């Protein structure tokens, strides 16, 4: 069975370290046998979640497209920056919209619950976004994801990537591969 993974960075910054890292992770998941859809959240522009806006206008078209992306995949590979010890508002806003009821009135949580998730983070700081991984793990678990225990934080991200976006240190590359391989293996097991 082919495992299908959705992958994205929770950063839309130009030359984002997490966008570089998710590309490395997506390739590692492909090498482990997964079919990976790597998306850019810039292609899914969403307003800040507001219940009054939702009541007036319904679910934004970008959120509906994201719901369909999640529906078509077995799991999520996520790379997130750390903002003041937490994951960025972009991640929360994106998944808050995805979890909302769709046009049929059914909860969007059904697109997330039971999906397997793997976490990566890159940051210029020494901890590599480790605190954002802790918060992301809790948030994704609250949404119904099965978050695998393996994770990789890449500290000193300004020096971590070489030409073409490859990771410089073999140990860091091995850590990303460990996350990707575990994610593919566990996603496959949950679908059997």
N, C-alpha and C. Protein backbone atom coordinates (compact mmCIF):
# COMPACT_ATOMS: atom_id res chain seq x y z
N UNK A 1 0.82 -1.17 0.00
CA UNK A 1 0.00 0.00 0.00
C UNK A 1 0.88 1.25 0.00
N UNK A 2 0.54 2.21 -0.84
CA UNK A 2 1.30 3.45 -0.90
C UNK A 2 0.75 4.43 0.13
N UNK A 3 1.62 4.92 0.98
CA UNK A 3 1.26 5.92 1.97
C UNK A 3 1.31 7.29 1.30
N UNK A 4 0.25 8.07 1.48
CA UNK A 4 0.19 9.43 0.94
C UNK A 4 0.32 10.42 2.09
N UNK A 5 1.32 11.29 2.00
CA UNK A 5 1.58 12.28 3.04
C UNK A 5 1.41 13.69 2.48
N UNK A 6 0.78 14.53 3.27
CA UNK A 6 0.72 15.96 3.00
C UNK A 6 1.87 16.60 3.77
N UNK A 7 2.60 17.50 3.15
CA UNK A 7 3.74 18.14 3.81
C UNK A 7 3.68 19.64 3.58
N UNK A 8 3.95 20.39 4.66
CA UNK A 8 4.07 21.84 4.50
C UNK A 8 4.87 22.44 5.64
N UNK A 9 5.36 23.65 5.35
CA UNK A 9 6.05 24.47 6.33
C UNK A 9 5.03 25.45 6.91
N UNK A 10 5.13 25.70 8.20
CA UNK A 10 4.26 26.69 8.84
C UNK A 10 4.89 28.08 8.78
N UNK A 11 5.65 28.30 7.72
CA UNK A 11 6.23 29.61 7.46
C UNK A 11 6.05 29.93 5.99
N UNK A 12 5.72 31.17 5.70
CA UNK A 12 5.60 31.60 4.31
C UNK A 12 6.68 32.63 3.97
N UNK A 13 7.67 32.77 4.82
CA UNK A 13 8.75 33.72 4.58
C UNK A 13 9.60 33.29 3.38
N UNK A 14 10.07 34.27 2.64
CA UNK A 14 11.00 33.99 1.55
C UNK A 14 12.28 33.42 2.18
N UNK A 15 12.81 32.36 1.62
CA UNK A 15 14.02 31.70 2.11
C UNK A 15 13.87 31.17 3.54
N UNK A 16 12.67 30.76 3.90
CA UNK A 16 12.39 30.20 5.22
C UNK A 16 13.23 28.95 5.47
N UNK A 17 13.82 28.88 6.67
CA UNK A 17 14.55 27.67 7.05
C UNK A 17 13.62 26.47 7.10
N UNK A 18 12.38 26.70 7.55
CA UNK A 18 11.44 25.59 7.66
C UNK A 18 10.94 25.12 6.30
N UNK A 19 10.89 26.01 5.33
CA UNK A 19 10.55 25.59 3.96
C UNK A 19 11.68 24.74 3.38
N UNK A 20 12.92 25.11 3.70
CA UNK A 20 14.05 24.29 3.27
C UNK A 20 13.99 22.92 3.96
N UNK A 21 13.70 22.94 5.25
CA UNK A 21 13.68 21.68 6.01
C UNK A 21 12.56 20.76 5.56
N UNK A 22 11.38 21.31 5.27
CA UNK A 22 10.28 20.43 4.84
C UNK A 22 10.59 19.80 3.49
N UNK A 23 11.33 20.51 2.64
CA UNK A 23 11.72 19.92 1.36
C UNK A 23 12.64 18.71 1.58
N UNK A 24 13.57 18.84 2.53
CA UNK A 24 14.45 17.72 2.87
C UNK A 24 13.63 16.56 3.45
N UNK A 25 12.70 16.89 4.36
CA UNK A 25 11.86 15.86 4.96
C UNK A 25 10.96 15.18 3.95
N UNK A 26 10.40 15.95 3.02
CA UNK A 26 9.53 15.37 1.99
C UNK A 26 10.32 14.39 1.13
N UNK A 27 11.55 14.75 0.78
CA UNK A 27 12.36 13.83 -0.02
C UNK A 27 12.70 12.56 0.76
N UNK A 28 12.98 12.71 2.05
CA UNK A 28 13.26 11.53 2.88
C UNK A 28 12.03 10.62 2.95
N UNK A 29 10.84 11.20 3.02
CA UNK A 29 9.62 10.39 3.04
C UNK A 29 9.40 9.69 1.70
N UNK A 30 9.70 10.39 0.61
CA UNK A 30 9.62 9.75 -0.72
C UNK A 30 10.60 8.58 -0.80
N UNK A 31 11.81 8.80 -0.29
CA UNK A 31 12.82 7.74 -0.30
C UNK A 31 12.38 6.54 0.53
N UNK A 32 11.52 6.78 1.52
CA UNK A 32 10.99 5.70 2.37
C UNK A 32 9.76 5.04 1.74
N UNK A 33 9.36 5.51 0.55
CA UNK A 33 8.27 4.85 -0.16
C UNK A 33 6.94 5.58 -0.16
N UNK A 34 6.89 6.79 0.39
CA UNK A 34 5.64 7.53 0.44
C UNK A 34 5.45 8.37 -0.82
N UNK A 35 4.19 8.63 -1.11
CA UNK A 35 3.83 9.63 -2.11
C UNK A 35 3.58 10.91 -1.32
N UNK A 36 4.33 11.97 -1.62
CA UNK A 36 4.27 13.19 -0.82
C UNK A 36 3.77 14.35 -1.67
N UNK A 37 2.78 15.05 -1.12
CA UNK A 37 2.30 16.29 -1.72
C UNK A 37 2.81 17.44 -0.87
N UNK A 38 3.75 18.19 -1.42
CA UNK A 38 4.35 19.32 -0.71
C UNK A 38 3.61 20.58 -1.14
N UNK A 39 2.95 21.23 -0.19
CA UNK A 39 2.19 22.44 -0.51
C UNK A 39 2.82 23.65 0.17
N UNK A 40 2.47 24.82 -0.34
CA UNK A 40 2.89 26.10 0.21
C UNK A 40 1.64 26.79 0.74
N UNK A 41 1.64 27.16 2.00
CA UNK A 41 0.45 27.79 2.58
C UNK A 41 0.14 29.15 1.96
N UNK A 42 1.08 29.73 1.21
CA UNK A 42 0.77 30.95 0.47
C UNK A 42 -0.31 30.70 -0.57
N UNK A 43 -0.43 29.47 -1.01
CA UNK A 43 -1.46 29.11 -2.00
C UNK A 43 -2.83 28.88 -1.35
N UNK A 44 -2.90 29.01 -0.03
CA UNK A 44 -4.14 28.79 0.72
C UNK A 44 -4.35 29.97 1.68
N UNK A 45 -4.41 31.14 1.13
CA UNK A 45 -4.53 32.34 1.96
C UNK A 45 -5.87 32.36 2.68
N UNK A 46 -5.80 32.53 3.99
CA UNK A 46 -6.99 32.51 4.84
C UNK A 46 -7.05 33.75 5.72
N UNK A 47 -8.25 34.27 5.96
CA UNK A 47 -8.36 35.36 6.93
C UNK A 47 -8.14 34.81 8.34
N UNK A 48 -7.88 35.70 9.29
CA UNK A 48 -7.83 35.26 10.68
C UNK A 48 -9.18 34.65 11.04
N UNK A 49 -9.15 33.52 11.77
CA UNK A 49 -10.42 32.88 12.10
C UNK A 49 -11.27 33.84 12.94
N UNK A 50 -12.53 33.94 12.56
CA UNK A 50 -13.49 34.79 13.24
C UNK A 50 -14.85 34.13 13.07
N UNK A 51 -15.49 33.76 14.15
CA UNK A 51 -16.78 33.08 14.09
C UNK A 51 -17.85 33.89 13.40
N UNK A 52 -17.82 35.21 13.57
CA UNK A 52 -18.81 36.05 12.89
C UNK A 52 -18.58 36.05 11.38
N UNK A 53 -17.31 36.09 10.97
CA UNK A 53 -16.98 36.01 9.55
C UNK A 53 -17.44 34.68 8.98
N UNK A 54 -17.19 33.60 9.72
CA UNK A 54 -17.62 32.28 9.26
C UNK A 54 -19.14 32.21 9.14
N UNK A 55 -19.85 32.75 10.13
CA UNK A 55 -21.32 32.72 10.09
C UNK A 55 -21.86 33.52 8.90
N UNK A 56 -21.19 34.62 8.60
CA UNK A 56 -21.66 35.48 7.50
C UNK A 56 -21.31 34.92 6.13
N UNK A 57 -20.03 34.44 5.97
CA UNK A 57 -19.53 34.08 4.64
C UNK A 57 -19.33 32.57 4.44
N UNK A 58 -19.42 31.81 5.52
CA UNK A 58 -19.17 30.37 5.40
C UNK A 58 -17.68 30.06 5.38
N UNK A 59 -17.37 28.84 5.08
CA UNK A 59 -15.98 28.37 5.05
C UNK A 59 -15.27 28.96 3.83
N UNK A 60 -14.10 29.59 4.04
CA UNK A 60 -13.36 30.12 2.89
C UNK A 60 -12.99 29.00 1.91
N UNK A 61 -12.94 29.36 0.65
CA UNK A 61 -12.61 28.40 -0.41
C UNK A 61 -11.25 27.74 -0.15
N UNK A 62 -10.28 28.50 0.34
CA UNK A 62 -8.96 27.93 0.62
C UNK A 62 -9.03 26.88 1.73
N UNK A 63 -9.86 27.09 2.72
CA UNK A 63 -10.02 26.10 3.79
C UNK A 63 -10.66 24.83 3.26
N UNK A 64 -11.64 24.98 2.38
CA UNK A 64 -12.28 23.80 1.77
C UNK A 64 -11.27 23.01 0.94
N UNK A 65 -10.40 23.71 0.22
CA UNK A 65 -9.36 23.01 -0.55
C UNK A 65 -8.39 22.29 0.37
N UNK A 66 -8.05 22.91 1.50
CA UNK A 66 -7.16 22.25 2.46
C UNK A 66 -7.84 21.02 3.08
N UNK A 67 -9.12 21.12 3.38
CA UNK A 67 -9.85 19.96 3.90
C UNK A 67 -9.73 18.79 2.92
N UNK A 68 -9.87 19.07 1.64
CA UNK A 68 -9.76 18.02 0.63
C UNK A 68 -8.34 17.46 0.55
N UNK A 69 -7.35 18.33 0.75
CA UNK A 69 -5.96 17.84 0.79
C UNK A 69 -5.78 16.86 1.94
N UNK A 70 -6.26 17.23 3.13
CA UNK A 70 -6.14 16.32 4.27
C UNK A 70 -6.92 15.03 4.04
N UNK A 71 -8.10 15.14 3.44
CA UNK A 71 -8.92 13.95 3.17
C UNK A 71 -8.20 12.97 2.26
N UNK A 72 -7.37 13.46 1.36
CA UNK A 72 -6.71 12.62 0.36
C UNK A 72 -5.39 12.03 0.85
N UNK A 73 -5.00 12.32 2.08
CA UNK A 73 -3.70 11.86 2.58
C UNK A 73 -3.84 11.11 3.90
N UNK A 74 -2.89 10.22 4.14
CA UNK A 74 -2.90 9.41 5.37
C UNK A 74 -2.23 10.12 6.54
N UNK A 75 -1.38 11.09 6.25
CA UNK A 75 -0.65 11.73 7.33
C UNK A 75 -0.09 13.07 6.93
N UNK A 76 0.55 13.71 7.90
CA UNK A 76 1.09 15.05 7.75
C UNK A 76 2.54 15.08 8.19
N UNK A 77 3.38 15.69 7.37
CA UNK A 77 4.75 16.01 7.75
C UNK A 77 4.82 17.53 7.83
N UNK A 78 5.15 18.05 8.99
CA UNK A 78 5.09 19.48 9.26
C UNK A 78 6.44 19.98 9.74
N UNK A 79 6.87 21.13 9.22
CA UNK A 79 8.04 21.82 9.74
C UNK A 79 7.58 23.19 10.19
N UNK A 80 7.85 23.51 11.46
CA UNK A 80 7.34 24.76 12.02
C UNK A 80 8.42 25.58 12.68
N UNK A 81 8.41 26.89 12.44
CA UNK A 81 9.32 27.76 13.20
C UNK A 81 8.83 27.92 14.63
N UNK A 82 9.64 28.62 15.39
CA UNK A 82 9.27 28.92 16.78
C UNK A 82 9.19 30.43 16.94
N UNK A 83 8.05 30.90 17.40
CA UNK A 83 7.85 32.31 17.69
C UNK A 83 7.59 32.45 19.19
N UNK A 84 8.52 33.02 19.92
CA UNK A 84 8.37 33.22 21.36
C UNK A 84 8.00 31.93 22.09
N UNK A 85 8.65 30.85 21.72
CA UNK A 85 8.44 29.58 22.40
C UNK A 85 7.24 28.79 21.92
N UNK A 86 6.56 29.26 20.88
CA UNK A 86 5.35 28.58 20.38
C UNK A 86 5.45 28.42 18.87
N UNK A 87 4.52 27.65 18.32
CA UNK A 87 4.41 27.58 16.87
C UNK A 87 3.77 28.89 16.39
N UNK A 88 3.91 29.22 15.11
CA UNK A 88 3.41 30.50 14.62
C UNK A 88 1.89 30.53 14.47
N UNK A 89 1.32 31.74 14.50
CA UNK A 89 -0.13 31.88 14.32
C UNK A 89 -0.61 31.30 13.00
N UNK A 90 0.24 31.29 11.98
CA UNK A 90 -0.15 30.73 10.68
C UNK A 90 -0.61 29.28 10.82
N UNK A 91 0.11 28.49 11.60
CA UNK A 91 -0.27 27.09 11.78
C UNK A 91 -1.61 26.97 12.49
N UNK A 92 -1.77 27.69 13.57
CA UNK A 92 -3.03 27.61 14.32
C UNK A 92 -4.20 28.08 13.48
N UNK A 93 -4.05 29.20 12.80
CA UNK A 93 -5.13 29.73 11.98
C UNK A 93 -5.50 28.75 10.86
N UNK A 94 -4.49 28.17 10.23
CA UNK A 94 -4.74 27.23 9.13
C UNK A 94 -5.55 26.03 9.62
N UNK A 95 -5.09 25.41 10.70
CA UNK A 95 -5.78 24.21 11.17
C UNK A 95 -7.09 24.54 11.88
N UNK A 96 -7.21 25.73 12.46
CA UNK A 96 -8.50 26.13 13.01
C UNK A 96 -9.54 26.21 11.90
N UNK A 97 -9.18 26.78 10.75
CA UNK A 97 -10.12 26.83 9.63
C UNK A 97 -10.41 25.43 9.08
N UNK A 98 -9.38 24.60 8.95
CA UNK A 98 -9.59 23.24 8.42
C UNK A 98 -10.55 22.45 9.31
N UNK A 99 -10.50 22.69 10.61
CA UNK A 99 -11.34 21.93 11.54
C UNK A 99 -12.81 22.36 11.55
N UNK A 100 -13.12 23.45 10.87
CA UNK A 100 -14.49 23.97 10.87
C UNK A 100 -15.40 23.11 9.99
N UNK A 101 -16.69 23.26 10.21
CA UNK A 101 -17.67 22.50 9.44
C UNK A 101 -17.57 22.85 7.95
N UNK A 102 -17.73 21.83 7.12
CA UNK A 102 -17.70 22.06 5.67
C UNK A 102 -19.10 22.40 5.17
N UNK A 103 -19.28 22.46 3.86
CA UNK A 103 -20.56 22.86 3.27
C UNK A 103 -21.69 21.92 3.66
N UNK A 104 -21.35 20.65 3.98
CA UNK A 104 -22.39 19.68 4.37
C UNK A 104 -22.79 19.84 5.83
N UNK A 105 -22.06 20.68 6.57
CA UNK A 105 -22.35 20.88 7.99
C UNK A 105 -21.61 19.93 8.90
N UNK A 106 -20.81 19.01 8.33
CA UNK A 106 -20.04 18.06 9.14
C UNK A 106 -18.74 18.71 9.60
N UNK A 107 -18.31 18.34 10.77
CA UNK A 107 -17.08 18.89 11.35
C UNK A 107 -15.87 18.59 10.47
N UNK A 108 -15.02 19.60 10.30
CA UNK A 108 -13.78 19.39 9.58
C UNK A 108 -12.77 18.56 10.34
N UNK A 109 -13.03 18.33 11.62
CA UNK A 109 -12.12 17.47 12.38
C UNK A 109 -12.02 16.07 11.78
N UNK A 110 -13.05 15.67 11.06
CA UNK A 110 -13.01 14.32 10.47
C UNK A 110 -11.90 14.19 9.43
N UNK A 111 -11.41 15.32 8.91
CA UNK A 111 -10.31 15.29 7.95
C UNK A 111 -8.95 15.16 8.65
N UNK A 112 -8.93 15.34 9.96
CA UNK A 112 -7.69 15.34 10.73
C UNK A 112 -7.57 14.14 11.66
N UNK A 113 -8.67 13.74 12.25
CA UNK A 113 -8.65 12.70 13.28
C UNK A 113 -8.13 11.38 12.73
N UNK A 114 -7.19 10.81 13.47
CA UNK A 114 -6.62 9.52 13.09
C UNK A 114 -5.48 9.61 12.10
N UNK A 115 -5.19 10.81 11.60
CA UNK A 115 -4.05 10.99 10.71
C UNK A 115 -2.76 10.94 11.53
N UNK A 116 -1.70 10.43 10.94
CA UNK A 116 -0.41 10.36 11.60
C UNK A 116 0.37 11.63 11.25
N UNK A 117 1.08 12.19 12.21
CA UNK A 117 1.85 13.41 11.97
C UNK A 117 3.28 13.26 12.46
N UNK A 118 4.20 13.83 11.70
CA UNK A 118 5.61 13.90 12.07
C UNK A 118 6.04 15.35 12.10
N UNK A 119 6.91 15.69 13.05
CA UNK A 119 7.26 17.09 13.30
C UNK A 119 8.75 17.37 13.10
N UNK A 120 9.00 18.50 12.43
CA UNK A 120 10.34 19.05 12.23
C UNK A 120 10.31 20.52 12.60
N UNK A 121 11.46 21.07 12.93
CA UNK A 121 11.55 22.50 13.19
C UNK A 121 12.97 22.97 12.94
N UNK A 122 13.08 24.20 12.43
CA UNK A 122 14.39 24.82 12.24
C UNK A 122 14.33 26.24 12.78
N UNK A 123 15.40 26.64 13.45
CA UNK A 123 15.46 27.96 14.05
C UNK A 123 16.92 28.40 14.13
N UNK A 124 17.16 29.70 14.04
CA UNK A 124 18.53 30.19 14.21
C UNK A 124 19.07 29.93 15.62
N UNK A 125 18.19 29.79 16.60
CA UNK A 125 18.61 29.57 17.98
C UNK A 125 19.18 28.19 18.21
N UNK A 126 19.79 28.02 19.37
CA UNK A 126 20.47 26.76 19.71
C UNK A 126 19.50 25.59 19.86
N UNK A 127 18.26 25.85 20.30
CA UNK A 127 17.30 24.77 20.52
C UNK A 127 16.61 24.32 19.24
N UNK A 128 16.75 25.08 18.17
CA UNK A 128 16.21 24.66 16.89
C UNK A 128 14.70 24.62 16.81
N UNK A 129 14.02 25.36 17.66
CA UNK A 129 12.56 25.33 17.64
C UNK A 129 11.96 24.22 18.48
N UNK A 130 12.74 23.65 19.36
CA UNK A 130 12.27 22.54 20.19
C UNK A 130 10.99 22.88 20.96
N UNK A 131 10.90 24.10 21.48
CA UNK A 131 9.70 24.47 22.25
C UNK A 131 8.47 24.51 21.36
N UNK A 132 8.64 24.90 20.10
CA UNK A 132 7.49 24.90 19.19
C UNK A 132 7.04 23.47 18.89
N UNK A 133 7.98 22.54 18.89
CA UNK A 133 7.61 21.14 18.65
C UNK A 133 6.75 20.60 19.79
N UNK A 134 7.08 20.99 21.01
CA UNK A 134 6.29 20.56 22.17
C UNK A 134 4.87 21.10 22.06
N UNK A 135 4.75 22.39 21.76
CA UNK A 135 3.42 23.01 21.63
C UNK A 135 2.67 22.45 20.42
N UNK A 136 3.37 22.22 19.31
CA UNK A 136 2.73 21.66 18.11
C UNK A 136 2.20 20.27 18.38
N UNK A 137 2.97 19.48 19.10
CA UNK A 137 2.56 18.12 19.44
C UNK A 137 1.24 18.15 20.22
N UNK A 138 1.16 19.03 21.20
CA UNK A 138 -0.07 19.13 22.00
C UNK A 138 -1.25 19.58 21.14
N UNK A 139 -1.04 20.59 20.32
CA UNK A 139 -2.11 21.12 19.49
C UNK A 139 -2.61 20.07 18.50
N UNK A 140 -1.69 19.40 17.81
CA UNK A 140 -2.09 18.38 16.83
C UNK A 140 -2.81 17.22 17.52
N UNK A 141 -2.35 16.84 18.69
CA UNK A 141 -3.02 15.78 19.45
C UNK A 141 -4.44 16.19 19.80
N UNK A 142 -4.62 17.44 20.20
CA UNK A 142 -5.96 17.94 20.52
C UNK A 142 -6.90 17.85 19.31
N UNK A 143 -6.34 17.98 18.11
CA UNK A 143 -7.14 17.91 16.88
C UNK A 143 -7.39 16.48 16.43
N UNK A 144 -6.78 15.52 17.11
CA UNK A 144 -7.02 14.12 16.78
C UNK A 144 -5.92 13.43 16.00
N UNK A 145 -4.82 14.12 15.75
CA UNK A 145 -3.69 13.49 15.08
C UNK A 145 -3.00 12.50 16.02
N UNK A 146 -2.41 11.47 15.44
CA UNK A 146 -1.50 10.57 16.15
C UNK A 146 -0.10 11.08 15.82
N UNK A 147 0.53 11.79 16.76
CA UNK A 147 1.84 12.39 16.52
C UNK A 147 2.92 11.39 16.93
N UNK A 148 3.78 11.05 15.99
CA UNK A 148 4.82 10.06 16.28
C UNK A 148 5.84 10.64 17.27
N UNK A 149 6.50 9.80 18.05
CA UNK A 149 7.46 10.32 19.03
C UNK A 149 8.72 10.90 18.41
N UNK A 150 9.14 10.42 17.27
CA UNK A 150 10.34 10.93 16.62
C UNK A 150 10.09 12.36 16.15
N UNK A 151 11.08 13.22 16.34
CA UNK A 151 11.02 14.60 15.86
C UNK A 151 12.44 15.09 15.65
N UNK A 152 12.59 16.17 14.89
CA UNK A 152 13.93 16.72 14.65
C UNK A 152 13.88 18.23 14.71
N UNK A 153 14.67 18.81 15.60
CA UNK A 153 14.85 20.25 15.70
C UNK A 153 16.24 20.58 15.15
N UNK A 154 16.31 21.57 14.28
CA UNK A 154 17.56 21.96 13.66
C UNK A 154 17.95 23.34 14.18
N UNK A 155 18.93 23.37 15.08
CA UNK A 155 19.43 24.62 15.62
C UNK A 155 20.47 25.24 14.72
N UNK A 156 20.74 26.53 14.93
CA UNK A 156 21.72 27.22 14.09
C UNK A 156 21.37 27.12 12.62
N UNK A 157 20.08 27.27 12.31
CA UNK A 157 19.59 26.99 10.96
C UNK A 157 20.25 27.84 9.89
N UNK A 158 20.77 29.00 10.26
CA UNK A 158 21.45 29.84 9.28
C UNK A 158 22.67 29.19 8.68
N UNK A 159 23.27 28.24 9.40
CA UNK A 159 24.44 27.52 8.91
C UNK A 159 24.14 26.05 8.62
N UNK A 160 22.90 25.62 8.79
CA UNK A 160 22.56 24.20 8.68
C UNK A 160 22.35 23.72 7.25
N UNK A 161 22.10 24.66 6.33
CA UNK A 161 21.78 24.28 4.96
C UNK A 161 22.89 24.72 4.02
N UNK A 162 23.24 23.82 3.11
CA UNK A 162 24.26 24.12 2.12
C UNK A 162 23.62 24.49 0.79
N UNK A 163 24.41 24.36 -0.22
CA UNK A 163 23.95 24.69 -1.57
C UNK A 163 22.78 23.80 -1.97
N UNK A 164 21.79 24.39 -2.58
CA UNK A 164 20.63 23.63 -3.02
C UNK A 164 19.68 23.25 -1.90
N UNK A 165 19.94 23.72 -0.68
CA UNK A 165 19.03 23.45 0.43
C UNK A 165 19.30 22.16 1.19
N UNK A 166 20.37 21.44 0.84
CA UNK A 166 20.71 20.20 1.54
C UNK A 166 21.23 20.52 2.94
N UNK A 167 20.97 19.63 3.87
CA UNK A 167 21.52 19.78 5.22
C UNK A 167 23.01 19.50 5.20
N UNK A 168 23.76 20.29 5.93
CA UNK A 168 25.21 20.19 5.94
C UNK A 168 25.67 19.00 6.79
N UNK A 169 25.08 18.83 7.96
CA UNK A 169 25.53 17.78 8.89
C UNK A 169 24.82 16.46 8.64
N UNK A 170 25.59 15.41 8.53
CA UNK A 170 25.04 14.07 8.31
C UNK A 170 24.14 13.64 9.47
N UNK A 171 24.50 14.03 10.68
CA UNK A 171 23.70 13.65 11.86
C UNK A 171 22.31 14.28 11.80
N UNK A 172 22.23 15.52 11.35
CA UNK A 172 20.94 16.19 11.22
C UNK A 172 20.12 15.55 10.12
N UNK A 173 20.75 15.26 9.00
CA UNK A 173 20.07 14.57 7.90
C UNK A 173 19.52 13.23 8.37
N UNK A 174 20.31 12.50 9.14
CA UNK A 174 19.86 11.21 9.66
C UNK A 174 18.66 11.38 10.58
N UNK A 175 18.63 12.45 11.37
CA UNK A 175 17.49 12.72 12.24
C UNK A 175 16.22 12.99 11.45
N UNK A 176 16.33 13.75 10.38
CA UNK A 176 15.17 14.01 9.51
C UNK A 176 14.70 12.71 8.87
N UNK A 177 15.64 11.91 8.40
CA UNK A 177 15.28 10.63 7.79
C UNK A 177 14.59 9.71 8.79
N UNK A 178 15.04 9.73 10.04
CA UNK A 178 14.43 8.91 11.08
C UNK A 178 12.96 9.30 11.26
N UNK A 179 12.68 10.60 11.29
CA UNK A 179 11.29 11.07 11.41
C UNK A 179 10.48 10.62 10.20
N UNK A 180 11.01 10.86 9.00
CA UNK A 180 10.28 10.52 7.78
C UNK A 180 10.01 9.02 7.68
N UNK A 181 11.00 8.21 7.97
CA UNK A 181 10.83 6.76 7.87
C UNK A 181 9.82 6.25 8.90
N UNK A 182 9.88 6.78 10.13
CA UNK A 182 8.92 6.37 11.16
C UNK A 182 7.51 6.81 10.77
N UNK A 183 7.38 8.00 10.23
CA UNK A 183 6.07 8.49 9.81
C UNK A 183 5.47 7.59 8.73
N UNK A 184 6.26 7.24 7.74
CA UNK A 184 5.78 6.37 6.67
C UNK A 184 5.40 4.99 7.23
N UNK A 185 6.25 4.43 8.07
CA UNK A 185 6.00 3.10 8.64
C UNK A 185 4.72 3.10 9.47
N UNK A 186 4.54 4.08 10.35
CA UNK A 186 3.38 4.10 11.21
C UNK A 186 2.11 4.42 10.43
N UNK A 187 2.21 5.32 9.46
CA UNK A 187 1.05 5.62 8.61
C UNK A 187 0.61 4.37 7.86
N UNK A 188 1.58 3.59 7.38
CA UNK A 188 1.25 2.34 6.67
C UNK A 188 0.56 1.37 7.63
N UNK A 189 1.06 1.25 8.85
CA UNK A 189 0.47 0.34 9.82
C UNK A 189 -0.96 0.74 10.18
N UNK A 190 -1.23 2.03 10.27
CA UNK A 190 -2.58 2.47 10.63
C UNK A 190 -3.58 2.25 9.50
N UNK A 191 -3.08 2.06 8.28
CA UNK A 191 -3.97 1.87 7.14
C UNK A 191 -4.20 0.39 6.81
N UNK A 192 -3.43 -0.51 7.43
CA UNK A 192 -3.55 -1.94 7.13
C UNK A 192 -4.71 -2.56 7.86
